[in-house]
Amino acid sequence: MPRPKPSPRRRGGTPAPSPPRPRARRRRPGQLALQEIRKYQSSTRLLLRPGSFARLVRELCLLFTRGVDYRWQSMALLALQEAAEAFMVRLLEDAYLCSLHARRVTLFPKDLQLARRLRGPETGGI
């Protein structure tokens, strides 16, 4: 009795391939970014983690007070984080307007520099 030839897919007793998984849904470029923007605009929670921000504030405080370690109330850290995030969001909005003015959609460091320069020294400029 002749032996059946192995199929080209199954050589040497390898198991049959598993059925293909359904592909992840393909989205148009920029669609996921717009979805994230809508999500973050509708929420009111802070974007930075409070622990990381508190460590950064304490580190900067040590740097500027020549090693004197101050204690921080949690509400003071929260107020500082609110102000810092509001500042960053407004700065990024202004910088993005600068990039749109230059007929670009990509935000470059020179856009941030221009936004800071236009704001002036009292509102976060150089």
PDB file of N, CA and C in Angstrom:
ATOM      1  N   MET A   1       0.819  -1.178   0.000  1.00  0.00           N
ATOM      2  CA  MET A   1       0.000   0.000   0.000  1.00  0.00           C
ATOM      3  C   MET A   1       0.873   1.256   0.000  1.00  0.00           C
ATOM      4  N   PRO A   2       0.673   2.171  -0.927  1.00  0.00           N
ATOM      5  CA  PRO A   2       1.525   3.372  -0.948  1.00  0.00           C
ATOM      6  C   PRO A   2       1.171   4.325   0.198  1.00  0.00           C
ATOM      7  N   ARG A   3       2.208   4.994   0.673  1.00  0.00           N
ATOM      8  CA  ARG A   3       2.019   5.979   1.748  1.00  0.00           C
ATOM      9  C   ARG A   3       1.484   7.283   1.169  1.00  0.00           C
ATOM     10  N   PRO A   4       0.580   7.948   1.925  1.00  0.00           N
ATOM     11  CA  PRO A   4       0.109   9.258   1.433  1.00  0.00           C
ATOM     12  C   PRO A   4       1.209  10.294   1.615  1.00  0.00           C
ATOM     13  N   LYS A   5       1.345  11.158   0.632  1.00  0.00           N
ATOM     14  CA  LYS A   5       2.350  12.216   0.714  1.00  0.00           C
ATOM     15  C   LYS A   5       1.879  13.282   1.710  1.00  0.00           C
ATOM     16  N   PRO A   6       2.837  13.819   2.509  1.00  0.00           N
ATOM     17  CA  PRO A   6       2.430  14.884   3.440  1.00  0.00           C
ATOM     18  C   PRO A   6       2.068  16.148   2.665  1.00  0.00           C
ATOM     19  N   SER A   7       1.092  16.843   3.189  1.00  0.00           N
ATOM     20  CA  SER A   7       0.672  18.080   2.529  1.00  0.00           C
ATOM     21  C   SER A   7       1.772  19.131   2.683  1.00  0.00           C
ATOM     22  N   PRO A   8       1.845  20.087   1.784  1.00  0.00           N
ATOM     23  CA  PRO A   8       2.915  21.082   1.877  1.00  0.00           C
ATOM     24  C   PRO A   8       2.860  21.906   3.158  1.00  0.00           C
ATOM     25  N   ARG A   9       1.708  22.011   3.795  1.00  0.00           N
ATOM     26  CA  ARG A   9       1.598  22.811   5.029  1.00  0.00           C
ATOM     27  C   ARG A   9       2.102  22.053   6.240  1.00  0.00           C
ATOM     28  N   ARG A  10       1.954  20.740   6.228  1.00  0.00           N
ATOM     29  CA  ARG A  10       2.288  19.957   7.416  1.00  0.00           C
ATOM     30  C   ARG A  10       3.472  19.066   7.097  1.00  0.00           C
ATOM     31  N   ARG A  11       4.630  19.476   7.526  1.00  0.00           N
ATOM     32  CA  ARG A  11       5.828  18.675   7.302  1.00  0.00           C
ATOM     33  C   ARG A  11       6.324  18.161   8.635  1.00  0.00           C
ATOM     34  N   GLY A  12       6.763  16.937   8.609  1.00  0.00           N
ATOM     35  CA  GLY A  12       7.394  16.381   9.790  1.00  0.00           C
ATOM     36  C   GLY A  12       6.495  16.294  10.997  1.00  0.00           C
ATOM     37  N   GLY A  13       5.220  16.141  10.825  1.00  0.00           N
ATOM     38  CA  GLY A  13       4.310  15.958  11.951  1.00  0.00           C
ATOM     39  C   GLY A  13       4.022  17.230  12.738  1.00  0.00           C
ATOM     40  N   THR A  14       4.180  18.406  12.157  1.00  0.00           N
ATOM     41  CA  THR A  14       3.851  19.641  12.876  1.00  0.00           C
ATOM     42  C   THR A  14       2.340  19.772  12.985  1.00  0.00           C
ATOM     43  N   PRO A  15       1.886  20.354  14.055  1.00  0.00           N
ATOM     44  CA  PRO A  15       0.436  20.479  14.216  1.00  0.00           C
ATOM     45  C   PRO A  15      -0.148  21.442  13.183  1.00  0.00           C
ATOM     46  N   ALA A  16      -1.402  21.260  12.926  1.00  0.00           N
ATOM     47  CA  ALA A  16      -2.089  22.121  11.970  1.00  0.00           C
ATOM     48  C   ALA A  16      -2.133  23.545  12.515  1.00  0.00           C
ATOM     49  N   PRO A  17      -2.016  24.523  11.653  1.00  0.00           N
ATOM     50  CA  PRO A  17      -2.038  25.913  12.147  1.00  0.00           C
ATOM     51  C   PRO A  17      -3.381  26.263  12.759  1.00  0.00           C
ATOM     52  N   SER A  18      -3.308  27.116  13.784  1.00  0.00           N
ATOM     53  CA  SER A  18      -4.551  27.527  14.439  1.00  0.00           C
ATOM     54  C   SER A  18      -5.316  28.459  13.506  1.00  0.00           C
ATOM     55  N   PRO A  19      -6.611  28.560  13.698  1.00  0.00           N
ATOM     56  CA  PRO A  19      -7.391  29.439  12.826  1.00  0.00           C
ATOM     57  C   PRO A  19      -6.929  30.889  13.012  1.00  0.00           C
ATOM     58  N   PRO A  20      -6.957  31.665  11.948  1.00  0.00           N
ATOM     59  CA  PRO A  20      -6.459  33.048  12.061  1.00  0.00           C
ATOM     60  C   PRO A  20      -7.313  33.881  13.003  1.00  0.00           C
ATOM     61  N   ARG A  21      -6.613  34.717  13.777  1.00  0.00           N
ATOM     62  CA  ARG A  21      -7.318  35.618  14.693  1.00  0.00           C
ATOM     63  C   ARG A  21      -7.941  36.754  13.910  1.00  0.00           C
ATOM     64  N   PRO A  22      -9.050  37.285  14.389  1.00  0.00           N
ATOM     65  CA  PRO A  22      -9.616  38.445  13.692  1.00  0.00           C
ATOM     66  C   PRO A  22      -8.652  39.618  13.802  1.00  0.00           C
ATOM     67  N   ARG A  23      -8.485  40.329  12.713  1.00  0.00           N
ATOM     68  CA  ARG A  23      -7.559  41.445  12.688  1.00  0.00           C
ATOM     69  C   ARG A  23      -8.078  42.594  13.534  1.00  0.00           C
ATOM     70  N   ALA A  24      -7.102  43.336  14.091  1.00  0.00           N
ATOM     71  CA  ALA A  24      -7.473  44.544  14.821  1.00  0.00           C
ATOM     72  C   ALA A  24      -8.052  45.545  13.827  1.00  0.00           C
ATOM     73  N   ARG A  25      -8.993  46.306  14.288  1.00  0.00           N
ATOM     74  CA  ARG A  25      -9.661  47.236  13.392  1.00  0.00           C
ATOM     75  C   ARG A  25      -8.687  48.307  12.923  1.00  0.00           C
ATOM     76  N   ARG A  26      -8.615  48.503  11.645  1.00  0.00           N
ATOM     77  CA  ARG A  26      -7.699  49.487  11.078  1.00  0.00           C
ATOM     78  C   ARG A  26      -8.375  50.851  11.087  1.00  0.00           C
ATOM     79  N   ARG A  27      -7.657  51.825  11.652  1.00  0.00           N
ATOM     80  CA  ARG A  27      -8.213  53.169  11.734  1.00  0.00           C
ATOM     81  C   ARG A  27      -7.457  54.094  10.797  1.00  0.00           C
ATOM     82  N   ARG A  28      -8.139  55.130  10.386  1.00  0.00           N
ATOM     83  CA  ARG A  28      -7.504  56.118   9.519  1.00  0.00           C
ATOM     84  C   ARG A  28      -6.468  56.900  10.317  1.00  0.00           C
ATOM     85  N   PRO A  29      -5.443  57.435   9.650  1.00  0.00           N
ATOM     86  CA  PRO A  29      -4.416  58.192  10.378  1.00  0.00           C
ATOM     87  C   PRO A  29      -5.019  59.395  11.090  1.00  0.00           C
ATOM     88  N   GLY A  30      -4.654  59.551  12.351  1.00  0.00           N
ATOM     89  CA  GLY A  30      -5.134  60.682  13.133  1.00  0.00           C
ATOM     90  C   GLY A  30      -6.440  60.433  13.861  1.00  0.00           C
ATOM     91  N   GLN A  31      -7.127  59.339  13.546  1.00  0.00           N
ATOM     92  CA  GLN A  31      -8.426  59.086  14.176  1.00  0.00           C
ATOM     93  C   GLN A  31      -8.259  58.759  15.657  1.00  0.00           C
ATOM     94  N   LEU A  32      -7.227  57.968  15.984  1.00  0.00           N
ATOM     95  CA  LEU A  32      -6.995  57.617  17.371  1.00  0.00           C
ATOM     96  C   LEU A  32      -6.572  58.849  18.176  1.00  0.00           C
ATOM     97  N   ALA A  33      -5.767  59.708  17.563  1.00  0.00           N
ATOM     98  CA  ALA A  33      -5.344  60.936  18.250  1.00  0.00           C
ATOM     99  C   ALA A  33      -6.541  61.825  18.556  1.00  0.00           C
ATOM    100  N   LEU A  34      -7.447  61.963  17.593  1.00  0.00           N
ATOM    101  CA  LEU A  34      -8.637  62.784  17.825  1.00  0.00           C
ATOM    102  C   LEU A  34      -9.518  62.182  18.909  1.00  0.00           C
ATOM    103  N   GLN A  35      -9.585  60.855  18.956  1.00  0.00           N
ATOM    104  CA  GLN A  35     -10.372  60.186  19.982  1.00  0.00           C
ATOM    105  C   GLN A  35      -9.765  60.454  21.365  1.00  0.00           C
ATOM    106  N   GLU A  36      -8.431  60.414  21.469  1.00  0.00           N
ATOM    107  CA  GLU A  36      -7.771  60.707  22.738  1.00  0.00           C
ATOM    108  C   GLU A  36      -7.991  62.160  23.142  1.00  0.00           C
ATOM    109  N   ILE A  37      -7.936  63.065  22.179  1.00  0.00           N
ATOM    110  CA  ILE A  37      -8.151  64.483  22.483  1.00  0.00           C
ATOM    111  C   ILE A  37      -9.543  64.689  23.057  1.00  0.00           C
ATOM    112  N   ARG A  38     -10.541  64.076  22.436  1.00  0.00           N
ATOM    113  CA  ARG A  38     -11.917  64.212  22.946  1.00  0.00           C
ATOM    114  C   ARG A  38     -12.036  63.642  24.354  1.00  0.00           C
ATOM    115  N   LYS A  39     -11.356  62.503  24.597  1.00  0.00           N
ATOM    116  CA  LYS A  39     -11.425  61.870  25.911  1.00  0.00           C
ATOM    117  C   LYS A  39     -10.834  62.776  26.985  1.00  0.00           C
ATOM    118  N   TYR A  40      -9.659  63.348  26.705  1.00  0.00           N
ATOM    119  CA  TYR A  40      -9.004  64.187  27.703  1.00  0.00           C
ATOM    120  C   TYR A  40      -9.695  65.533  27.862  1.00  0.00           C
ATOM    121  N   GLN A  41     -10.316  66.055  26.804  1.00  0.00           N
ATOM    122  CA  GLN A  41     -11.031  67.319  26.924  1.00  0.00           C
ATOM    123  C   GLN A  41     -12.299  67.167  27.752  1.00  0.00           C
ATOM    124  N   SER A  42     -12.908  65.996  27.725  1.00  0.00           N
ATOM    125  CA  SER A  42     -14.147  65.815  28.474  1.00  0.00           C
ATOM    126  C   SER A  42     -13.888  65.483  29.944  1.00  0.00           C
ATOM    127  N   SER A  43     -12.653  65.088  30.283  1.00  0.00           N
ATOM    128  CA  SER A  43     -12.375  64.739  31.677  1.00  0.00           C
ATOM    129  C   SER A  43     -11.785  65.942  32.406  1.00  0.00           C
ATOM    130  N   THR A  44     -11.898  65.919  33.722  1.00  0.00           N
ATOM    131  CA  THR A  44     -11.355  67.015  34.531  1.00  0.00           C
ATOM    132  C   THR A  44     -10.230  66.537  35.430  1.00  0.00           C
ATOM    133  N   ARG A  45      -9.850  65.298  35.302  1.00  0.00           N
ATOM    134  CA  ARG A  45      -8.802  64.779  36.186  1.00  0.00           C
ATOM    135  C   ARG A  45      -7.439  65.267  35.722  1.00  0.00           C
ATOM    136  N   LEU A  46      -6.465  65.199  36.641  1.00  0.00           N
ATOM    137  CA  LEU A  46      -5.119  65.645  36.332  1.00  0.00           C
ATOM    138  C   LEU A  46      -4.421  64.625  35.440  1.00  0.00           C
ATOM    139  N   LEU A  47      -3.511  65.095  34.608  1.00  0.00           N
ATOM    140  CA  LEU A  47      -2.852  64.219  33.656  1.00  0.00           C
ATOM    141  C   LEU A  47      -1.586  63.589  34.218  1.00  0.00           C
ATOM    142  N   LEU A  48      -0.879  64.305  35.071  1.00  0.00           N
ATOM    143  CA  LEU A  48       0.338  63.770  35.681  1.00  0.00           C
ATOM    144  C   LEU A  48      -0.020  63.024  36.954  1.00  0.00           C
ATOM    145  N   ARG A  49       0.757  61.994  37.250  1.00  0.00           N
ATOM    146  CA  ARG A  49       0.520  61.254  38.493  1.00  0.00           C
ATOM    147  C   ARG A  49       0.966  62.107  39.684  1.00  0.00           C
ATOM    148  N   PRO A  50       0.145  62.149  40.739  1.00  0.00           N
ATOM    149  CA  PRO A  50       0.474  63.026  41.868  1.00  0.00           C
ATOM    150  C   PRO A  50       1.793  62.664  42.557  1.00  0.00           C
ATOM    151  N   GLY A  51       2.104  61.385  42.673  1.00  0.00           N
ATOM    152  CA  GLY A  51       3.350  60.983  43.335  1.00  0.00           C
ATOM    153  C   GLY A  51       4.581  61.451  42.588  1.00  0.00           C
ATOM    154  N   SER A  52       4.571  61.276  41.282  1.00  0.00           N
ATOM    155  CA  SER A  52       5.707  61.711  40.468  1.00  0.00           C
ATOM    156  C   SER A  52       5.872  63.222  40.527  1.00  0.00           C
ATOM    157  N   PHE A  53       4.758  63.929  40.466  1.00  0.00           N
ATOM    158  CA  PHE A  53       4.815  65.384  40.519  1.00  0.00           C
ATOM    159  C   PHE A  53       5.338  65.849  41.877  1.00  0.00           C
ATOM    160  N   ALA A  54       4.910  65.212  42.960  1.00  0.00           N
ATOM    161  CA  ALA A  54       5.375  65.595  44.298  1.00  0.00           C
ATOM    162  C   ALA A  54       6.874  65.359  44.430  1.00  0.00           C
ATOM    163  N   ARG A  55       7.385  64.266  43.889  1.00  0.00           N
ATOM    164  CA  ARG A  55       8.827  64.015  43.936  1.00  0.00           C
ATOM    165  C   ARG A  55       9.595  65.084  43.171  1.00  0.00           C
ATOM    166  N   LEU A  56       9.063  65.470  42.013  1.00  0.00           N
ATOM    167  CA  LEU A  56       9.707  66.516  41.219  1.00  0.00           C
ATOM    168  C   LEU A  56       9.733  67.838  41.970  1.00  0.00           C
ATOM    169  N   VAL A  57       8.628  68.195  42.612  1.00  0.00           N
ATOM    170  CA  VAL A  57       8.559  69.457  43.364  1.00  0.00           C
ATOM    171  C   VAL A  57       9.546  69.429  44.522  1.00  0.00           C
ATOM    172  N   ARG A  58       9.620  68.314  45.237  1.00  0.00           N
ATOM    173  CA  ARG A  58      10.546  68.223  46.370  1.00  0.00           C
ATOM    174  C   ARG A  58      12.001  68.303  45.903  1.00  0.00           C
ATOM    175  N   GLU A  59      12.285  67.670  44.764  1.00  0.00           N
ATOM    176  CA  GLU A  59      13.642  67.715  44.219  1.00  0.00           C
ATOM    177  C   GLU A  59      14.021  69.144  43.823  1.00  0.00           C
ATOM    178  N   LEU A  60      13.109  69.845  43.156  1.00  0.00           N
ATOM    179  CA  LEU A  60      13.381  71.230  42.783  1.00  0.00           C
ATOM    180  C   LEU A  60      13.488  72.131  44.007  1.00  0.00           C
ATOM    181  N   CYS A  61      12.702  71.845  45.018  1.00  0.00           N
ATOM    182  CA  CYS A  61      12.753  72.635  46.250  1.00  0.00           C
ATOM    183  C   CYS A  61      14.106  72.462  46.926  1.00  0.00           C
ATOM    184  N   LEU A  62      14.624  71.248  46.971  1.00  0.00           N
ATOM    185  CA  LEU A  62      15.955  71.015  47.538  1.00  0.00           C
ATOM    186  C   LEU A  62      17.030  71.757  46.752  1.00  0.00           C
ATOM    187  N   LEU A  63      16.863  71.786  45.432  1.00  0.00           N
ATOM    188  CA  LEU A  63      17.834  72.435  44.571  1.00  0.00           C
ATOM    189  C   LEU A  63      17.880  73.948  44.808  1.00  0.00           C
ATOM    190  N   PHE A  64      16.714  74.565  44.980  1.00  0.00           N
ATOM    191  CA  PHE A  64      16.658  76.018  45.105  1.00  0.00           C
ATOM    192  C   PHE A  64      16.825  76.509  46.539  1.00  0.00           C
ATOM    193  N   THR A  65      16.699  75.640  47.528  1.00  0.00           N
ATOM    194  CA  THR A  65      16.852  76.071  48.924  1.00  0.00           C
ATOM    195  C   THR A  65      18.171  75.596  49.509  1.00  0.00           C
ATOM    196  N   ARG A  66      19.099  75.173  48.655  1.00  0.00           N
ATOM    197  CA  ARG A  66      20.443  74.734  49.054  1.00  0.00           C
ATOM    198  C   ARG A  66      20.396  73.618  50.094  1.00  0.00           C
ATOM    199  N   GLY A  67      19.558  72.635  49.857  1.00  0.00           N
ATOM    200  CA  GLY A  67      19.537  71.444  50.699  1.00  0.00           C
ATOM    201  C   GLY A  67      18.582  71.484  51.869  1.00  0.00           C
ATOM    202  N   VAL A  68      17.859  72.570  52.075  1.00  0.00           N
ATOM    203  CA  VAL A  68      16.890  72.637  53.172  1.00  0.00           C
ATOM    204  C   VAL A  68      15.631  71.909  52.717  1.00  0.00           C
ATOM    205  N   ASP A  69      15.237  70.897  53.481  1.00  0.00           N
ATOM    206  CA  ASP A  69      14.092  70.079  53.084  1.00  0.00           C
ATOM    207  C   ASP A  69      12.819  70.646  53.716  1.00  0.00           C
ATOM    208  N   TYR A  70      11.925  71.160  52.884  1.00  0.00           N
ATOM    209  CA  TYR A  70      10.656  71.694  53.364  1.00  0.00           C
ATOM    210  C   TYR A  70       9.577  70.625  53.307  1.00  0.00           C
ATOM    211  N   ARG A  71       8.596  70.787  54.154  1.00  0.00           N
ATOM    212  CA  ARG A  71       7.433  69.902  54.101  1.00  0.00           C
ATOM    213  C   ARG A  71       6.361  70.564  53.258  1.00  0.00           C
ATOM    214  N   TRP A  72       5.601  69.742  52.549  1.00  0.00           N
ATOM    215  CA  TRP A  72       4.565  70.254  51.658  1.00  0.00           C
ATOM    216  C   TRP A  72       3.225  69.667  52.076  1.00  0.00           C
ATOM    217  N   GLN A  73       2.229  70.528  52.178  1.00  0.00           N
ATOM    218  CA  GLN A  73       0.879  70.023  52.408  1.00  0.00           C
ATOM    219  C   GLN A  73       0.361  69.436  51.103  1.00  0.00           C
ATOM    220  N   SER A  74      -0.477  68.420  51.229  1.00  0.00           N
ATOM    221  CA  SER A  74      -0.985  67.763  50.022  1.00  0.00           C
ATOM    222  C   SER A  74      -1.833  68.713  49.182  1.00  0.00           C
ATOM    223  N   MET A  75      -2.561  69.611  49.842  1.00  0.00           N
ATOM    224  CA  MET A  75      -3.371  70.572  49.092  1.00  0.00           C
ATOM    225  C   MET A  75      -2.490  71.582  48.360  1.00  0.00           C
ATOM    226  N   ALA A  76      -1.341  71.921  48.936  1.00  0.00           N
ATOM    227  CA  ALA A  76      -0.416  72.839  48.259  1.00  0.00           C
ATOM    228  C   ALA A  76       0.161  72.175  47.012  1.00  0.00           C
ATOM    229  N   LEU A  77       0.525  70.905  47.126  1.00  0.00           N
ATOM    230  CA  LEU A  77       1.034  70.177  45.964  1.00  0.00           C
ATOM    231  C   LEU A  77      -0.043  70.051  44.888  1.00  0.00           C
ATOM    232  N   LEU A  78      -1.265  69.825  45.314  1.00  0.00           N
ATOM    233  CA  LEU A  78      -2.374  69.704  44.361  1.00  0.00           C
ATOM    234  C   LEU A  78      -2.614  71.031  43.632  1.00  0.00           C
ATOM    235  N   ALA A  79      -2.574  72.141  44.374  1.00  0.00           N
ATOM    236  CA  ALA A  79      -2.760  73.450  43.750  1.00  0.00           C
ATOM    237  C   ALA A  79      -1.627  73.760  42.775  1.00  0.00           C
ATOM    238  N   LEU A  80      -0.405  73.396  43.170  1.00  0.00           N
ATOM    239  CA  LEU A  80       0.743  73.614  42.292  1.00  0.00           C
ATOM    240  C   LEU A  80       0.642  72.769  41.027  1.00  0.00           C
ATOM    241  N   GLN A  81       0.160  71.538  41.183  1.00  0.00           N
ATOM    242  CA  GLN A  81       0.000  70.666  40.015  1.00  0.00           C
ATOM    243  C   GLN A  81      -1.093  71.186  39.084  1.00  0.00           C
ATOM    244  N   GLU A  82      -2.188  71.669  39.647  1.00  0.00           N
ATOM    245  CA  GLU A  82      -3.257  72.253  38.820  1.00  0.00           C
ATOM    246  C   GLU A  82      -2.721  73.424  37.999  1.00  0.00           C
ATOM    247  N   ALA A  83      -1.960  74.302  38.671  1.00  0.00           N
ATOM    248  CA  ALA A  83      -1.425  75.476  37.983  1.00  0.00           C
ATOM    249  C   ALA A  83      -0.414  75.067  36.909  1.00  0.00           C
ATOM    250  N   ALA A  84       0.441  74.090  37.216  1.00  0.00           N
ATOM    251  CA  ALA A  84       1.459  73.658  36.259  1.00  0.00           C
ATOM    252  C   ALA A  84       0.822  73.023  35.029  1.00  0.00           C
ATOM    253  N   GLU A  85      -0.191  72.205  35.242  1.00  0.00           N
ATOM    254  CA  GLU A  85      -0.842  71.554  34.099  1.00  0.00           C
ATOM    255  C   GLU A  85      -1.625  72.568  33.265  1.00  0.00           C
ATOM    256  N   ALA A  86      -2.259  73.519  33.909  1.00  0.00           N
ATOM    257  CA  ALA A  86      -2.972  74.559  33.151  1.00  0.00           C
ATOM    258  C   ALA A  86      -1.993  75.383  32.325  1.00  0.00           C
ATOM    259  N   PHE A  87      -0.826  75.691  32.918  1.00  0.00           N
ATOM    260  CA  PHE A  87       0.196  76.441  32.192  1.00  0.00           C
ATOM    261  C   PHE A  87       0.677  75.657  30.969  1.00  0.00           C
ATOM    262  N   MET A  88       0.947  74.371  31.165  1.00  0.00           N
ATOM    263  CA  MET A  88       1.462  73.551  30.058  1.00  0.00           C
ATOM    264  C   MET A  88       0.431  73.407  28.944  1.00  0.00           C
ATOM    265  N   VAL A  89      -0.821  73.226  29.308  1.00  0.00           N
ATOM    266  CA  VAL A  89      -1.861  73.069  28.288  1.00  0.00           C
ATOM    267  C   VAL A  89      -2.006  74.344  27.469  1.00  0.00           C
ATOM    268  N   ARG A  90      -2.019  75.493  28.142  1.00  0.00           N
ATOM    269  CA  ARG A  90      -2.145  76.757  27.399  1.00  0.00           C
ATOM    270  C   ARG A  90      -0.931  77.018  26.529  1.00  0.00           C
ATOM    271  N   LEU A  91       0.255  76.668  27.035  1.00  0.00           N
ATOM    272  CA  LEU A  91       1.473  76.857  26.243  1.00  0.00           C
ATOM    273  C   LEU A  91       1.452  75.965  25.002  1.00  0.00           C
ATOM    274  N   LEU A  92       1.024  74.736  25.154  1.00  0.00           N
ATOM    275  CA  LEU A  92       0.951  73.829  24.005  1.00  0.00           C
ATOM    276  C   LEU A  92      -0.115  74.279  23.011  1.00  0.00           C
ATOM    277  N   GLU A  93      -1.217  74.820  23.513  1.00  0.00           N
ATOM    278  CA  GLU A  93      -2.240  75.356  22.605  1.00  0.00           C
ATOM    279  C   GLU A  93      -1.679  76.512  21.779  1.00  0.00           C
ATOM    280  N   ASP A  94      -0.967  77.426  22.443  1.00  0.00           N
ATOM    281  CA  ASP A  94      -0.376  78.562  21.732  1.00  0.00           C
ATOM    282  C   ASP A  94       0.680  78.097  20.733  1.00  0.00           C
ATOM    283  N   ALA A  95       1.476  77.117  21.132  1.00  0.00           N
ATOM    284  CA  ALA A  95       2.520  76.618  20.238  1.00  0.00           C
ATOM    285  C   ALA A  95       1.906  75.926  19.024  1.00  0.00           C
ATOM    286  N   TYR A  96       0.805  75.242  19.234  1.00  0.00           N
ATOM    287  CA  TYR A  96       0.146  74.577  18.106  1.00  0.00           C
ATOM    288  C   TYR A  96      -0.442  75.614  17.145  1.00  0.00           C
ATOM    289  N   LEU A  97      -0.949  76.705  17.681  1.00  0.00           N
ATOM    290  CA  LEU A  97      -1.414  77.791  16.810  1.00  0.00           C
ATOM    291  C   LEU A  97      -0.259  78.360  15.988  1.00  0.00           C
ATOM    292  N   CYS A  98       0.926  78.430  16.599  1.00  0.00           N
ATOM    293  CA  CYS A  98       2.104  78.898  15.850  1.00  0.00           C
ATOM    294  C   CYS A  98       2.441  77.930  14.722  1.00  0.00           C
ATOM    295  N   SER A  99       2.323  76.630  14.980  1.00  0.00           N
ATOM    296  CA  SER A  99       2.623  75.663  13.915  1.00  0.00           C
ATOM    297  C   SER A  99       1.564  75.729  12.815  1.00  0.00           C
ATOM    298  N   LEU A 100       0.312  75.956  13.176  1.00  0.00           N
ATOM    299  CA  LEU A 100      -0.729  76.096  12.156  1.00  0.00           C
ATOM    300  C   LEU A 100      -0.507  77.361  11.330  1.00  0.00           C
ATOM    301  N   HIS A 101      -0.024  78.409  11.967  1.00  0.00           N
ATOM    302  CA  HIS A 101       0.266  79.640  11.249  1.00  0.00           C
ATOM    303  C   HIS A 101       1.369  79.424  10.207  1.00  0.00           C
ATOM    304  N   ALA A 102       2.290  78.506  10.527  1.00  0.00           N
ATOM    305  CA  ALA A 102       3.369  78.185   9.591  1.00  0.00           C
ATOM    306  C   ALA A 102       2.931  77.122   8.583  1.00  0.00           C
ATOM    307  N   ARG A 103       1.632  76.838   8.538  1.00  0.00           N
ATOM    308  CA  ARG A 103       1.034  75.855   7.632  1.00  0.00           C
ATOM    309  C   ARG A 103       1.602  74.452   7.858  1.00  0.00           C
ATOM    310  N   ARG A 104       1.748  74.085   9.138  1.00  0.00           N
ATOM    311  CA  ARG A 104       2.183  72.744   9.510  1.00  0.00           C
ATOM    312  C   ARG A 104       1.205  72.180  10.523  1.00  0.00           C
ATOM    313  N   VAL A 105       1.151  70.874  10.616  1.00  0.00           N
ATOM    314  CA  VAL A 105       0.355  70.260  11.662  1.00  0.00           C
ATOM    315  C   VAL A 105       1.247  69.603  12.708  1.00  0.00           C
ATOM    316  N   THR A 106       2.538  69.557  12.445  1.00  0.00           N
ATOM    317  CA  THR A 106       3.486  68.975  13.390  1.00  0.00           C
ATOM    318  C   THR A 106       4.013  70.073  14.302  1.00  0.00           C
ATOM    319  N   LEU A 107       4.017  69.786  15.592  1.00  0.00           N
ATOM    320  CA  LEU A 107       4.501  70.744  16.581  1.00  0.00           C
ATOM    321  C   LEU A 107       6.013  70.585  16.719  1.00  0.00           C
ATOM    322  N   PHE A 108       6.756  71.657  16.480  1.00  0.00           N
ATOM    323  CA  PHE A 108       8.207  71.642  16.576  1.00  0.00           C
ATOM    324  C   PHE A 108       8.639  72.429  17.809  1.00  0.00           C
ATOM    325  N   PRO A 109       9.869  72.168  18.293  1.00  0.00           N
ATOM    326  CA  PRO A 109      10.366  72.956  19.437  1.00  0.00           C
ATOM    327  C   PRO A 109      10.390  74.456  19.167  1.00  0.00           C
ATOM    328  N   LYS A 110      10.634  74.831  17.906  1.00  0.00           N
ATOM    329  CA  LYS A 110      10.663  76.266  17.609  1.00  0.00           C
ATOM    330  C   LYS A 110       9.287  76.903  17.798  1.00  0.00           C
ATOM    331  N   ASP A 111       8.205  76.117  17.678  1.00  0.00           N
ATOM    332  CA  ASP A 111       6.864  76.646  17.943  1.00  0.00           C
ATOM    333  C   ASP A 111       6.696  76.955  19.425  1.00  0.00           C
ATOM    334  N   LEU A 112       7.199  76.066  20.287  1.00  0.00           N
ATOM    335  CA  LEU A 112       7.139  76.322  21.732  1.00  0.00           C
ATOM    336  C   LEU A 112       7.967  77.549  22.091  1.00  0.00           C
ATOM    337  N   GLN A 113       9.140  77.667  21.485  1.00  0.00           N
ATOM    338  CA  GLN A 113       9.986  78.827  21.772  1.00  0.00           C
ATOM    339  C   GLN A 113       9.313  80.122  21.334  1.00  0.00           C
ATOM    340  N   LEU A 114       8.683  80.099  20.177  1.00  0.00           N
ATOM    341  CA  LEU A 114       7.990  81.294  19.692  1.00  0.00           C
ATOM    342  C   LEU A 114       6.805  81.643  20.588  1.00  0.00           C
ATOM    343  N   ALA A 115       6.055  80.634  21.016  1.00  0.00           N
ATOM    344  CA  ALA A 115       4.900  80.884  21.895  1.00  0.00           C
ATOM    345  C   ALA A 115       5.358  81.494  23.215  1.00  0.00           C
ATOM    346  N   ARG A 116       6.449  80.982  23.773  1.00  0.00           N
ATOM    347  CA  ARG A 116       6.958  81.546  25.028  1.00  0.00           C
ATOM    348  C   ARG A 116       7.450  82.971  24.827  1.00  0.00           C
ATOM    349  N   ARG A 117       8.074  83.226  23.683  1.00  0.00           N
ATOM    350  CA  ARG A 117       8.589  84.567  23.414  1.00  0.00           C
ATOM    351  C   ARG A 117       7.452  85.568  23.218  1.00  0.00           C
ATOM    352  N   LEU A 118       6.391  85.145  22.540  1.00  0.00           N
ATOM    353  CA  LEU A 118       5.255  86.039  22.311  1.00  0.00           C
ATOM    354  C   LEU A 118       4.493  86.331  23.599  1.00  0.00           C
ATOM    355  N   ARG A 119       4.491  85.395  24.532  1.00  0.00           N
ATOM    356  CA  ARG A 119       3.769  85.600  25.779  1.00  0.00           C
ATOM    357  C   ARG A 119       4.415  86.692  26.641  1.00  0.00           C
ATOM    358  N   GLY A 120       5.713  86.810  26.566  1.00  0.00           N
ATOM    359  CA  GLY A 120       6.402  87.805  27.370  1.00  0.00           C
ATOM    360  C   GLY A 120       6.914  87.220  28.681  1.00  0.00           C
ATOM    361  N   PRO A 121       7.748  87.983  29.394  1.00  0.00           N
ATOM    362  CA  PRO A 121       8.395  87.436  30.603  1.00  0.00           C
ATOM    363  C   PRO A 121       7.436  87.207  31.767  1.00  0.00           C
ATOM    364  N   GLU A 122       6.375  87.966  31.871  1.00  0.00           N
ATOM    365  CA  GLU A 122       5.498  87.818  33.051  1.00  0.00           C
ATOM    366  C   GLU A 122       4.524  86.644  32.945  1.00  0.00           C
ATOM    367  N   THR A 123       4.321  86.119  31.750  1.00  0.00           N
ATOM    368  CA  THR A 123       3.386  84.996  31.611  1.00  0.00           C
ATOM    369  C   THR A 123       4.079  83.745  31.114  1.00  0.00           C
ATOM    370  N   GLY A 124       5.319  83.554  31.526  1.00  0.00           N
ATOM    371  CA  GLY A 124       6.001  82.317  31.193  1.00  0.00           C
ATOM    372  C   GLY A 124       6.926  82.409  30.005  1.00  0.00           C
ATOM    373  N   GLY A 125       7.328  83.602  29.647  1.00  0.00           N
ATOM    374  CA  GLY A 125       8.259  83.749  28.550  1.00  0.00           C
ATOM    375  C   GLY A 125       9.691  83.607  29.028  1.00  0.00           C
ATOM    376  N   ILE A 126      10.593  83.918  28.154  1.00  0.00           N
ATOM    377  CA  ILE A 126      12.012  83.762  28.477  1.00  0.00           C
ATOM    378  C   ILE A 126      12.501  84.956  29.260  1.00  0.00           C
TER     379      ILE A 126
END
